[in-house]
C-alpha cells in the first residue's frame, strides 16, 4: 500500500465521520459507540411502522404501547448521554438549561 493510498483512505474516513454522526470519531470510546447504536436502533424501531408492528406482535402488546416503551428508552438514553457529557466536562447539570436549548432529536407523533 502506497502512502498516497493511505492518505486517501484516511481523508475518506474523516469525510465520512464528519458527514454522518453515527460513524463515530477518534475520541469516541466503546461505551459511547454502543449507546449511539442502541439509540439509533430504537429510533429506527419507532420510525418504521412494520418493524414496530412486528415487535408489538412478538411481545403481545399494542403498537401504541410498544411505541411508548421505545420512546421511554430513547428519552432515558438522551438524558443519560446528557448527564454523562456534563459529568465528563464537569459542567453543572441543570434541567433549566435543558429547557432553554432545543432538543436535538425529533419526537415522532403518536399515531
PDB file of N, CA and C in Angstrom:
ATOM      1  N   UNK A   1       0.846  -1.177   0.000  1.00  0.00           N
ATOM      2  CA  UNK A   1       0.000   0.000   0.000  1.00  0.00           C
ATOM      3  C   UNK A   1       0.892   1.240   0.000  1.00  0.00           C
ATOM      4  N   UNK A   2       0.626   2.124  -0.908  1.00  0.00           N
ATOM      5  CA  UNK A   2       1.437   3.328  -1.031  1.00  0.00           C
ATOM      6  C   UNK A   2       0.959   4.393  -0.044  1.00  0.00           C
ATOM      7  N   UNK A   3       1.804   5.369   0.171  1.00  0.00           N
ATOM      8  CA  UNK A   3       1.470   6.453   1.098  1.00  0.00           C
ATOM      9  C   UNK A   3       0.276   7.255   0.610  1.00  0.00           C
ATOM     10  N   UNK A   4       0.158   7.429  -0.694  1.00  0.00           N
ATOM     11  CA  UNK A   4      -0.972   8.200  -1.222  1.00  0.00           C
ATOM     12  C   UNK A   4      -2.292   7.463  -1.002  1.00  0.00           C
ATOM     13  N   UNK A   5      -2.264   6.121  -1.056  1.00  0.00           N
ATOM     14  CA  UNK A   5      -3.476   5.340  -0.798  1.00  0.00           C
ATOM     15  C   UNK A   5      -3.920   5.483   0.653  1.00  0.00           C
ATOM     16  N   UNK A   6      -2.943   5.455   1.574  1.00  0.00           N
ATOM     17  CA  UNK A   6      -3.284   5.616   2.985  1.00  0.00           C
ATOM     18  C   UNK A   6      -3.853   6.995   3.253  1.00  0.00           C
ATOM     19  N   UNK A   7      -3.272   8.011   2.645  1.00  0.00           N
ATOM     20  CA  UNK A   7      -3.792   9.366   2.816  1.00  0.00           C
ATOM     21  C   UNK A   7      -5.206   9.466   2.266  1.00  0.00           C
ATOM     22  N   UNK A   8      -5.443   8.851   1.121  1.00  0.00           N
ATOM     23  CA  UNK A   8      -6.760   8.887   0.501  1.00  0.00           C
ATOM     24  C   UNK A   8      -7.793   8.174   1.380  1.00  0.00           C
ATOM     25  N   UNK A   9      -7.428   7.018   1.935  1.00  0.00           N
ATOM     26  CA  UNK A   9      -8.347   6.275   2.797  1.00  0.00           C
ATOM     27  C   UNK A   9      -8.642   7.067   4.063  1.00  0.00           C
ATOM     28  N   UNK A  10      -7.613   7.654   4.668  1.00  0.00           N
ATOM     29  CA  UNK A  10      -7.831   8.443   5.880  1.00  0.00           C
ATOM     30  C   UNK A  10      -8.682   9.668   5.607  1.00  0.00           C
ATOM     31  N   UNK A  11      -8.472  10.325   4.495  1.00  0.00           N
ATOM     32  CA  UNK A  11      -9.281  11.503   4.189  1.00  0.00           C
ATOM     33  C   UNK A  11     -10.726  11.105   3.902  1.00  0.00           C
ATOM     34  N   UNK A  12     -10.929   9.953   3.270  1.00  0.00           N
ATOM     35  CA  UNK A  12     -12.295   9.479   3.040  1.00  0.00           C
ATOM     36  C   UNK A  12     -12.982   9.133   4.357  1.00  0.00           C
ATOM     37  N   UNK A  13     -12.244   8.525   5.276  1.00  0.00           N
ATOM     38  CA  UNK A  13     -12.805   8.189   6.577  1.00  0.00           C
ATOM     39  C   UNK A  13     -13.165   9.446   7.359  1.00  0.00           C
ATOM     40  N   UNK A  14     -12.303  10.448   7.338  1.00  0.00           N
ATOM     41  CA  UNK A  14     -12.596  11.709   8.020  1.00  0.00           C
ATOM     42  C   UNK A  14     -13.821  12.385   7.418  1.00  0.00           C
ATOM     43  N   UNK A  15     -13.940  12.335   6.101  1.00  0.00           N
ATOM     44  CA  UNK A  15     -15.107  12.922   5.440  1.00  0.00           C
ATOM     45  C   UNK A  15     -16.379  12.181   5.849  1.00  0.00           C
ATOM     46  N   UNK A  16     -16.308  10.859   5.899  1.00  0.00           N
ATOM     47  CA  UNK A  16     -17.460  10.053   6.291  1.00  0.00           C
ATOM     48  C   UNK A  16     -17.862  10.341   7.733  1.00  0.00           C
ATOM     49  N   UNK A  17     -16.877  10.462   8.629  1.00  0.00           N
ATOM     50  CA  UNK A  17     -17.169  10.724  10.031  1.00  0.00           C
ATOM     51  C   UNK A  17     -17.718  12.121  10.240  1.00  0.00           C
ATOM     52  N   UNK A  18     -17.313  13.077   9.422  1.00  0.00           N
ATOM     53  CA  UNK A  18     -17.848  14.429   9.533  1.00  0.00           C
ATOM     54  C   UNK A  18     -19.266  14.499   8.982  1.00  0.00           C
ATOM     55  N   UNK A  19     -19.549  13.705   7.973  1.00  0.00           N
ATOM     56  CA  UNK A  19     -20.865  13.754   7.327  1.00  0.00           C
ATOM     57  C   UNK A  19     -21.926  13.008   8.131  1.00  0.00           C
ATOM     58  N   UNK A  20     -21.575  11.856   8.681  1.00  0.00           N
ATOM     59  CA  UNK A  20     -22.525  11.023   9.411  1.00  0.00           C
ATOM     60  C   UNK A  20     -22.074  10.879  10.860  1.00  0.00           C
ATOM     61  N   UNK A  21     -22.925  11.305  11.790  1.00  0.00           N
ATOM     62  CA  UNK A  21     -22.570  11.290  13.204  1.00  0.00           C
ATOM     63  C   UNK A  21     -22.405   9.861  13.708  1.00  0.00           C
ATOM     64  N   UNK A  22     -23.191   8.939  13.205  1.00  0.00           N
ATOM     65  CA  UNK A  22     -23.182   7.568  13.694  1.00  0.00           C
ATOM     66  C   UNK A  22     -21.910   6.800  13.417  1.00  0.00           C
ATOM     67  N   UNK A  23     -21.050   7.294  12.544  1.00  0.00           N
ATOM     68  CA  UNK A  23     -19.810   6.581  12.246  1.00  0.00           C
ATOM     69  C   UNK A  23     -18.736   6.825  13.296  1.00  0.00           C
ATOM     70  N   UNK A  24     -18.970   7.736  14.223  1.00  0.00           N
ATOM     71  CA  UNK A  24     -18.041   7.962  15.314  1.00  0.00           C
ATOM     72  C   UNK A  24     -16.889   8.873  14.950  1.00  0.00           C
ATOM     73  N   UNK A  25     -15.964   9.012  15.888  1.00  0.00           N
ATOM     74  CA  UNK A  25     -14.765   9.814  15.690  1.00  0.00           C
ATOM     75  C   UNK A  25     -13.653   9.240  16.553  1.00  0.00           C
ATOM     76  N   UNK A  26     -12.501   9.816  16.506  1.00  0.00           N
ATOM     77  CA  UNK A  26     -11.330   9.251  17.179  1.00  0.00           C
ATOM     78  C   UNK A  26     -11.452   9.269  18.701  1.00  0.00           C
ATOM     79  N   UNK A  27     -12.170  10.233  19.265  1.00  0.00           N
ATOM     80  CA  UNK A  27     -12.279  10.351  20.717  1.00  0.00           C
ATOM     81  C   UNK A  27     -13.454   9.573  21.297  1.00  0.00           C
ATOM     82  N   UNK A  28     -14.196   8.866  20.483  1.00  0.00           N
ATOM     83  CA  UNK A  28     -15.372   8.124  20.933  1.00  0.00           C
ATOM     84  C   UNK A  28     -14.924   6.805  21.552  1.00  0.00           C
ATOM     85  N   UNK A  29     -15.335   6.570  22.801  1.00  0.00           N
ATOM     86  CA  UNK A  29     -14.950   5.302  23.416  1.00  0.00           C
ATOM     87  C   UNK A  29     -15.972   4.219  23.093  1.00  0.00           C
ATOM     88  N   UNK A  30     -15.692   3.012  23.491  1.00  0.00           N
ATOM     89  CA  UNK A  30     -16.529   1.864  23.141  1.00  0.00           C
ATOM     90  C   UNK A  30     -17.935   1.985  23.720  1.00  0.00           C
ATOM     91  N   UNK A  31     -18.050   2.489  24.946  1.00  0.00           N
ATOM     92  CA  UNK A  31     -19.361   2.614  25.593  1.00  0.00           C
ATOM     93  C   UNK A  31     -20.242   3.621  24.865  1.00  0.00           C
ATOM     94  N   UNK A  32     -19.697   4.791  24.542  1.00  0.00           N
ATOM     95  CA  UNK A  32     -20.477   5.800  23.825  1.00  0.00           C
ATOM     96  C   UNK A  32     -20.888   5.296  22.444  1.00  0.00           C
ATOM     97  N   UNK A  33     -20.027   4.543  21.798  1.00  0.00           N
ATOM     98  CA  UNK A  33     -20.356   3.977  20.499  1.00  0.00           C
ATOM     99  C   UNK A  33     -21.519   3.002  20.617  1.00  0.00           C
ATOM    100  N   UNK A  34     -21.506   2.163  21.662  1.00  0.00           N
ATOM    101  CA  UNK A  34     -22.591   1.200  21.874  1.00  0.00           C
ATOM    102  C   UNK A  34     -23.905   1.907  22.189  1.00  0.00           C
ATOM    103  N   UNK A  35     -23.846   2.982  22.975  1.00  0.00           N
ATOM    104  CA  UNK A  35     -25.058   3.736  23.291  1.00  0.00           C
ATOM    105  C   UNK A  35     -25.607   4.403  22.037  1.00  0.00           C
ATOM    106  N   UNK A  36     -24.737   4.910  21.173  1.00  0.00           N
ATOM    107  CA  UNK A  36     -25.196   5.504  19.914  1.00  0.00           C
ATOM    108  C   UNK A  36     -25.903   4.471  19.038  1.00  0.00           C
ATOM    109  N   UNK A  37     -25.368   3.268  18.982  1.00  0.00           N
ATOM    110  CA  UNK A  37     -26.008   2.214  18.194  1.00  0.00           C
ATOM    111  C   UNK A  37     -27.370   1.868  18.779  1.00  0.00           C
ATOM    112  N   UNK A  38     -27.446   1.776  20.107  1.00  0.00           N
ATOM    113  CA  UNK A  38     -28.718   1.461  20.749  1.00  0.00           C
ATOM    114  C   UNK A  38     -29.738   2.567  20.502  1.00  0.00           C
ATOM    115  N   UNK A  39     -29.318   3.816  20.601  1.00  0.00           N
ATOM    116  CA  UNK A  39     -30.223   4.942  20.363  1.00  0.00           C
ATOM    117  C   UNK A  39     -30.719   4.955  18.922  1.00  0.00           C
ATOM    118  N   UNK A  40     -29.823   4.725  17.984  1.00  0.00           N
ATOM    119  CA  UNK A  40     -30.219   4.693  16.578  1.00  0.00           C
ATOM    120  C   UNK A  40     -31.167   3.532  16.290  1.00  0.00           C
ATOM    121  N   UNK A  41     -30.935   2.393  16.942  1.00  0.00           N
ATOM    122  CA  UNK A  41     -31.809   1.239  16.736  1.00  0.00           C
ATOM    123  C   UNK A  41     -33.218   1.527  17.229  1.00  0.00           C
ATOM    124  N   UNK A  42     -33.340   2.081  18.432  1.00  0.00           N
ATOM    125  CA  UNK A  42     -34.671   2.380  18.964  1.00  0.00           C
ATOM    126  C   UNK A  42     -35.370   3.456  18.142  1.00  0.00           C
ATOM    127  N   UNK A  43     -34.637   4.432  17.658  1.00  0.00           N
ATOM    128  CA  UNK A  43     -35.243   5.452  16.796  1.00  0.00           C
ATOM    129  C   UNK A  43     -35.749   4.822  15.503  1.00  0.00           C
ATOM    130  N   UNK A  44     -35.029   3.852  14.986  1.00  0.00           N
ATOM    131  CA  UNK A  44     -35.473   3.155  13.785  1.00  0.00           C
ATOM    132  C   UNK A  44     -36.713   2.316  14.070  1.00  0.00           C
ATOM    133  N   UNK A  45     -36.758   1.676  15.236  1.00  0.00           N
ATOM    134  CA  UNK A  45     -37.932   0.883  15.596  1.00  0.00           C
ATOM    135  C   UNK A  45     -39.182   1.754  15.656  1.00  0.00           C
ATOM    136  N   UNK A  46     -39.051   2.939  16.238  1.00  0.00           N
ATOM    137  CA  UNK A  46     -40.194   3.838  16.358  1.00  0.00           C
ATOM    138  C   UNK A  46     -40.582   4.396  14.994  1.00  0.00           C
ATOM    139  N   UNK A  47     -39.624   4.670  14.159  1.00  0.00           N
ATOM    140  CA  UNK A  47     -39.891   5.317  12.884  1.00  0.00           C
ATOM    141  C   UNK A  47     -40.414   4.406  11.789  1.00  0.00           C
ATOM    142  N   UNK A  48     -40.189   3.107  11.900  1.00  0.00           N
ATOM    143  CA  UNK A  48     -40.638   2.175  10.866  1.00  0.00           C
ATOM    144  C   UNK A  48     -41.814   1.358  11.399  1.00  0.00           C
ATOM    145  N   UNK A  49     -42.987   1.658  10.878  1.00  0.00           N
ATOM    146  CA  UNK A  49     -44.219   1.053  11.377  1.00  0.00           C
ATOM    147  C   UNK A  49     -44.226  -0.474  11.279  1.00  0.00           C
ATOM    148  N   UNK A  50     -43.804  -1.081  10.171  1.00  0.00           N
ATOM    149  CA  UNK A  50     -43.832  -2.557  10.121  1.00  0.00           C
ATOM    150  C   UNK A  50     -42.940  -3.210  11.179  1.00  0.00           C
ATOM    151  N   UNK A  51     -41.804  -2.622  11.454  1.00  0.00           N
ATOM    152  CA  UNK A  51     -40.923  -3.157  12.488  1.00  0.00           C
ATOM    153  C   UNK A  51     -41.557  -3.003  13.865  1.00  0.00           C
ATOM    154  N   UNK A  52     -42.212  -1.872  14.084  1.00  0.00           N
ATOM    155  CA  UNK A  52     -42.917  -1.635  15.342  1.00  0.00           C
ATOM    156  C   UNK A  52     -44.058  -2.637  15.510  1.00  0.00           C
ATOM    157  N   UNK A  53     -44.788  -2.907  14.432  1.00  0.00           N
ATOM    158  CA  UNK A  53     -45.868  -3.893  14.482  1.00  0.00           C
ATOM    159  C   UNK A  53     -45.316  -5.288  14.772  1.00  0.00           C
ATOM    160  N   UNK A  54     -44.165  -5.607  14.218  1.00  0.00           N
ATOM    161  CA  UNK A  54     -43.535  -6.905  14.476  1.00  0.00           C
ATOM    162  C   UNK A  54     -43.205  -7.060  15.960  1.00  0.00           C
ATOM    163  N   UNK A  55     -42.603  -6.034  16.562  1.00  0.00           N
ATOM    164  CA  UNK A  55     -42.285  -6.089  17.988  1.00  0.00           C
ATOM    165  C   UNK A  55     -43.552  -6.172  18.830  1.00  0.00           C
ATOM    166  N   UNK A  56     -44.606  -5.458  18.430  1.00  0.00           N
ATOM    167  CA  UNK A  56     -45.860  -5.483  19.178  1.00  0.00           C
ATOM    168  C   UNK A  56     -46.469  -6.884  19.165  1.00  0.00           C
ATOM    169  N   UNK A  57     -46.438  -7.540  18.022  1.00  0.00           N
ATOM    170  CA  UNK A  57     -46.969  -8.907  17.939  1.00  0.00           C
ATOM    171  C   UNK A  57     -46.102  -9.863  18.754  1.00  0.00           C
ATOM    172  N   UNK A  58     -44.794  -9.715  18.664  1.00  0.00           N
ATOM    173  CA  UNK A  58     -43.880 -10.613  19.374  1.00  0.00           C
ATOM    174  C   UNK A  58     -44.023 -10.489  20.887  1.00  0.00           C
ATOM    175  N   UNK A  59     -44.305  -9.285  21.380  1.00  0.00           N
ATOM    176  CA  UNK A  59     -44.427  -9.073  22.822  1.00  0.00           C
ATOM    177  C   UNK A  59     -45.877  -9.045  23.292  1.00  0.00           C
ATOM    178  N   UNK A  60     -46.824  -9.286  22.379  1.00  0.00           N
ATOM    179  CA  UNK A  60     -48.247  -9.311  22.687  1.00  0.00           C
ATOM    180  C   UNK A  60     -48.697  -8.003  23.350  1.00  0.00           C
ATOM    181  N   UNK A  61     -48.274  -6.900  22.794  1.00  0.00           N
ATOM    182  CA  UNK A  61     -48.653  -5.564  23.257  1.00  0.00           C
ATOM    183  C   UNK A  61     -49.260  -4.807  22.091  1.00  0.00           C
ATOM    184  N   UNK A  62     -49.927  -3.706  22.408  1.00  0.00           N
ATOM    185  CA  UNK A  62     -50.445  -2.865  21.332  1.00  0.00           C
ATOM    186  C   UNK A  62     -49.293  -2.076  20.707  1.00  0.00           C
ATOM    187  N   UNK A  63     -49.523  -1.602  19.502  1.00  0.00           N
ATOM    188  CA  UNK A  63     -48.490  -0.851  18.794  1.00  0.00           C
ATOM    189  C   UNK A  63     -48.196   0.454  19.522  1.00  0.00           C
ATOM    190  N   UNK A  64     -49.236   1.098  20.028  1.00  0.00           N
ATOM    191  CA  UNK A  64     -49.039   2.339  20.781  1.00  0.00           C
ATOM    192  C   UNK A  64     -48.225   2.133  22.043  1.00  0.00           C
ATOM    193  N   UNK A  65     -48.461   1.014  22.743  1.00  0.00           N
ATOM    194  CA  UNK A  65     -47.703   0.709  23.962  1.00  0.00           C
ATOM    195  C   UNK A  65     -46.238   0.449  23.626  1.00  0.00           C
ATOM    196  N   UNK A  66     -45.989  -0.270  22.542  1.00  0.00           N
ATOM    197  CA  UNK A  66     -44.606  -0.523  22.130  1.00  0.00           C
ATOM    198  C   UNK A  66     -43.904   0.777  21.760  1.00  0.00           C
ATOM    199  N   UNK A  67     -44.599   1.642  21.034  1.00  0.00           N
ATOM    200  CA  UNK A  67     -44.014   2.934  20.673  1.00  0.00           C
ATOM    201  C   UNK A  67     -43.697   3.735  21.940  1.00  0.00           C
ATOM    202  N   UNK A  68     -44.615   3.729  22.908  1.00  0.00           N
ATOM    203  CA  UNK A  68     -44.400   4.439  24.170  1.00  0.00           C
ATOM    204  C   UNK A  68     -43.180   3.870  24.901  1.00  0.00           C
ATOM    205  N   UNK A  69     -43.082   2.550  24.973  1.00  0.00           N
ATOM    206  CA  UNK A  69     -41.939   1.933  25.655  1.00  0.00           C
ATOM    207  C   UNK A  69     -40.622   2.283  24.969  1.00  0.00           C
ATOM    208  N   UNK A  70     -40.613   2.253  23.643  1.00  0.00           N
ATOM    209  CA  UNK A  70     -39.396   2.601  22.917  1.00  0.00           C
ATOM    210  C   UNK A  70     -39.039   4.071  23.109  1.00  0.00           C
ATOM    211  N   UNK A  71     -40.048   4.943  23.143  1.00  0.00           N
ATOM    212  CA  UNK A  71     -39.784   6.369  23.367  1.00  0.00           C
ATOM    213  C   UNK A  71     -39.240   6.610  24.774  1.00  0.00           C
ATOM    214  N   UNK A  72     -39.695   5.819  25.749  1.00  0.00           N
ATOM    215  CA  UNK A  72     -39.160   5.936  27.106  1.00  0.00           C
ATOM    216  C   UNK A  72     -37.675   5.571  27.123  1.00  0.00           C
ATOM    217  N   UNK A  73     -37.309   4.529  26.401  1.00  0.00           N
ATOM    218  CA  UNK A  73     -35.897   4.138  26.324  1.00  0.00           C
ATOM    219  C   UNK A  73     -35.089   5.236  25.639  1.00  0.00           C
ATOM    220  N   UNK A  74     -35.641   5.812  24.569  1.00  0.00           N
ATOM    221  CA  UNK A  74     -34.949   6.900  23.872  1.00  0.00           C
ATOM    222  C   UNK A  74     -34.736   8.094  24.788  1.00  0.00           C
ATOM    223  N   UNK A  75     -35.752   8.447  25.568  1.00  0.00           N
ATOM    224  CA  UNK A  75     -35.628   9.569  26.496  1.00  0.00           C
ATOM    225  C   UNK A  75     -34.574   9.272  27.556  1.00  0.00           C
ATOM    226  N   UNK A  76     -34.568   8.043  28.078  1.00  0.00           N
ATOM    227  CA  UNK A  76     -33.567   7.662  29.061  1.00  0.00           C
ATOM    228  C   UNK A  76     -32.156   7.762  28.481  1.00  0.00           C
ATOM    229  N   UNK A  77     -31.977   7.259  27.256  1.00  0.00           N
ATOM    230  CA  UNK A  77     -30.656   7.315  26.628  1.00  0.00           C
ATOM    231  C   UNK A  77     -30.217   8.756  26.385  1.00  0.00           C
ATOM    232  N   UNK A  78     -31.166   9.608  25.961  1.00  0.00           N
ATOM    233  CA  UNK A  78     -30.838  11.016  25.730  1.00  0.00           C
ATOM    234  C   UNK A  78     -30.395  11.688  27.025  1.00  0.00           C
ATOM    235  N   UNK A  79     -31.163  11.497  28.104  1.00  0.00           N
ATOM    236  CA  UNK A  79     -30.807  12.124  29.377  1.00  0.00           C
ATOM    237  C   UNK A  79     -29.523  11.531  29.947  1.00  0.00           C
ATOM    238  N   UNK A  80     -29.314  10.233  29.749  1.00  0.00           N
ATOM    239  CA  UNK A  80     -28.096   9.604  30.238  1.00  0.00           C
ATOM    240  C   UNK A  80     -26.865  10.162  29.534  1.00  0.00           C
ATOM    241  N   UNK A  81     -26.941  10.306  28.209  1.00  0.00           N
ATOM    242  CA  UNK A  81     -25.807  10.870  27.474  1.00  0.00           C
ATOM    243  C   UNK A  81     -25.585  12.330  27.834  1.00  0.00           C
ATOM    244  N   UNK A  82     -26.671  13.065  28.082  1.00  0.00           N
ATOM    245  CA  UNK A  82     -26.539  14.458  28.502  1.00  0.00           C
ATOM    246  C   UNK A  82     -25.846  14.540  29.855  1.00  0.00           C
ATOM    247  N   UNK A  83     -26.270  13.702  30.800  1.00  0.00           N
ATOM    248  CA  UNK A  83     -25.645  13.678  32.115  1.00  0.00           C
ATOM    249  C   UNK A  83     -24.186  13.252  32.016  1.00  0.00           C
ATOM    250  N   UNK A  84     -23.912  12.247  31.181  1.00  0.00           N
ATOM    251  CA  UNK A  84     -22.542  11.768  31.022  1.00  0.00           C
ATOM    252  C   UNK A  84     -21.640  12.848  30.438  1.00  0.00           C
ATOM    253  N   UNK A  85     -22.145  13.584  29.449  1.00  0.00           N
ATOM    254  CA  UNK A  85     -21.328  14.645  28.860  1.00  0.00           C
ATOM    255  C   UNK A  85     -21.102  15.776  29.856  1.00  0.00           C
ATOM    256  N   UNK A  86     -22.095  16.068  30.697  1.00  0.00           N
ATOM    257  CA  UNK A  86     -21.907  17.091  31.726  1.00  0.00           C
ATOM    258  C   UNK A  86     -20.910  16.622  32.776  1.00  0.00           C
ATOM    259  N   UNK A  87     -20.941  15.334  33.105  1.00  0.00           N
ATOM    260  CA  UNK A  87     -20.027  14.807  34.098  1.00  0.00           C
ATOM    261  C   UNK A  87     -18.594  14.815  33.574  1.00  0.00           C
ATOM    262  N   UNK A  88     -18.413  14.471  32.318  1.00  0.00           N
ATOM    263  CA  UNK A  88     -17.068  14.439  31.734  1.00  0.00           C
ATOM    264  C   UNK A  88     -16.487  15.842  31.649  1.00  0.00           C
ATOM    265  N   UNK A  89     -17.306  16.823  31.267  1.00  0.00           N
ATOM    266  CA  UNK A  89     -16.816  18.192  31.135  1.00  0.00           C
ATOM    267  C   UNK A  89     -16.871  18.965  32.446  1.00  0.00           C
ATOM    268  N   UNK A  90     -17.376  18.310  33.498  1.00  0.00           N
ATOM    269  CA  UNK A  90     -17.516  18.936  34.826  1.00  0.00           C
ATOM    270  C   UNK A  90     -18.430  20.166  34.789  1.00  0.00           C
ATOM    271  N   UNK A  91     -19.388  20.146  33.885  1.00  0.00           N
ATOM    272  CA  UNK A  91     -20.352  21.234  33.794  1.00  0.00           C
ATOM    273  C   UNK A  91     -21.524  20.918  34.715  1.00  0.00           C
ATOM    274  N   UNK A  92     -22.117  21.947  35.301  1.00  0.00           N
ATOM    275  CA  UNK A  92     -23.255  21.755  36.187  1.00  0.00           C
ATOM    276  C   UNK A  92     -24.463  21.297  35.375  1.00  0.00           C
ATOM    277  N   UNK A  93     -25.084  20.200  35.792  1.00  0.00           N
ATOM    278  CA  UNK A  93     -26.260  19.668  35.100  1.00  0.00           C
ATOM    279  C   UNK A  93     -27.499  20.340  35.665  1.00  0.00           C
ATOM    280  N   UNK A  94     -28.268  20.973  34.804  1.00  0.00           N
ATOM    281  CA  UNK A  94     -29.463  21.683  35.241  1.00  0.00           C
ATOM    282  C   UNK A  94     -30.587  21.445  34.246  1.00  0.00           C
ATOM    283  N   UNK A  95     -31.777  21.131  34.751  1.00  0.00           N
ATOM    284  CA  UNK A  95     -32.926  20.948  33.870  1.00  0.00           C
ATOM    285  C   UNK A  95     -33.391  22.270  33.293  1.00  0.00           C
ATOM    286  N   UNK A  96     -33.075  23.387  33.957  1.00  0.00           N
ATOM    287  CA  UNK A  96     -33.448  24.697  33.425  1.00  0.00           C
ATOM    288  C   UNK A  96     -32.680  24.955  32.133  1.00  0.00           C
ATOM    289  N   UNK A  97     -31.383  24.626  32.105  1.00  0.00           N
ATOM    290  CA  UNK A  97     -30.598  24.785  30.882  1.00  0.00           C
ATOM    291  C   UNK A  97     -31.104  23.854  29.788  1.00  0.00           C
ATOM    292  N   UNK A  98     -31.591  22.684  30.174  1.00  0.00           N
ATOM    293  CA  UNK A  98     -32.096  21.732  29.197  1.00  0.00           C
ATOM    294  C   UNK A  98     -33.326  22.280  28.490  1.00  0.00           C
ATOM    295  N   UNK A  99     -34.181  22.985  29.218  1.00  0.00           N
ATOM    296  CA  UNK A  99     -35.398  23.501  28.600  1.00  0.00           C
ATOM    297  C   UNK A  99     -35.129  24.737  27.757  1.00  0.00           C
ATOM    298  N   UNK A 100     -34.025  25.441  27.987  1.00  0.00           N
ATOM    299  CA  UNK A 100     -33.715  26.636  27.204  1.00  0.00           C
ATOM    300  C   UNK A 100     -33.158  26.291  25.829  1.00  0.00           C
ATOM    301  N   UNK A 101     -32.526  25.132  25.698  1.00  0.00           N
ATOM    302  CA  UNK A 101     -31.929  24.746  24.427  1.00  0.00           C
ATOM    303  C   UNK A 101     -32.864  23.778  23.705  1.00  0.00           C
ATOM    304  N   UNK A 102     -32.896  23.821  22.380  1.00  0.00           N
ATOM    305  CA  UNK A 102     -33.750  22.871  21.659  1.00  0.00           C
ATOM    306  C   UNK A 102     -33.212  21.451  21.776  1.00  0.00           C
ATOM    307  N   UNK A 103     -34.110  20.496  21.869  1.00  0.00           N
ATOM    308  CA  UNK A 103     -33.726  19.096  21.968  1.00  0.00           C
ATOM    309  C   UNK A 103     -33.290  18.619  20.588  1.00  0.00           C
ATOM    310  N   UNK A 104     -32.214  17.834  20.551  1.00  0.00           N
ATOM    311  CA  UNK A 104     -31.591  17.514  19.270  1.00  0.00           C
ATOM    312  C   UNK A 104     -32.255  16.365  18.517  1.00  0.00           C
ATOM    313  N   UNK A 105     -33.129  15.598  19.169  1.00  0.00           N
ATOM    314  CA  UNK A 105     -33.778  14.521  18.428  1.00  0.00           C
ATOM    315  C   UNK A 105     -35.249  14.850  18.224  1.00  0.00           C
ATOM    316  N   UNK A 106     -35.832  14.290  17.216  1.00  0.00           N
ATOM    317  CA  UNK A 106     -37.205  14.602  16.828  1.00  0.00           C
ATOM    318  C   UNK A 106     -38.150  13.650  17.543  1.00  0.00           C
ATOM    319  N   UNK A 107     -39.152  14.200  18.208  1.00  0.00           N
ATOM    320  CA  UNK A 107     -40.184  13.386  18.832  1.00  0.00           C
ATOM    321  C   UNK A 107     -41.238  13.091  17.779  1.00  0.00           C
ATOM    322  N   UNK A 108     -41.457  11.832  17.488  1.00  0.00           N
ATOM    323  CA  UNK A 108     -42.426  11.450  16.474  1.00  0.00           C
ATOM    324  C   UNK A 108     -43.828  11.464  17.074  1.00  0.00           C
ATOM    325  N   UNK A 109     -44.820  11.930  16.339  1.00  0.00           N
ATOM    326  CA  UNK A 109     -46.183  11.944  16.879  1.00  0.00           C
ATOM    327  C   UNK A 109     -46.728  10.526  17.011  1.00  0.00           C
ATOM    328  N   UNK A 110     -47.528  10.311  18.040  1.00  0.00           N
ATOM    329  CA  UNK A 110     -48.154   9.010  18.226  1.00  0.00           C
ATOM    330  C   UNK A 110     -49.317   8.874  17.264  1.00  0.00           C
ATOM    331  N   UNK A 111     -49.399   7.769  16.583  1.00  0.00           N
ATOM    332  CA  UNK A 111     -50.481   7.530  15.624  1.00  0.00           C
ATOM    333  C   UNK A 111     -51.550   6.671  16.239  1.00  0.00           C
TER     334      UNK A 111
END
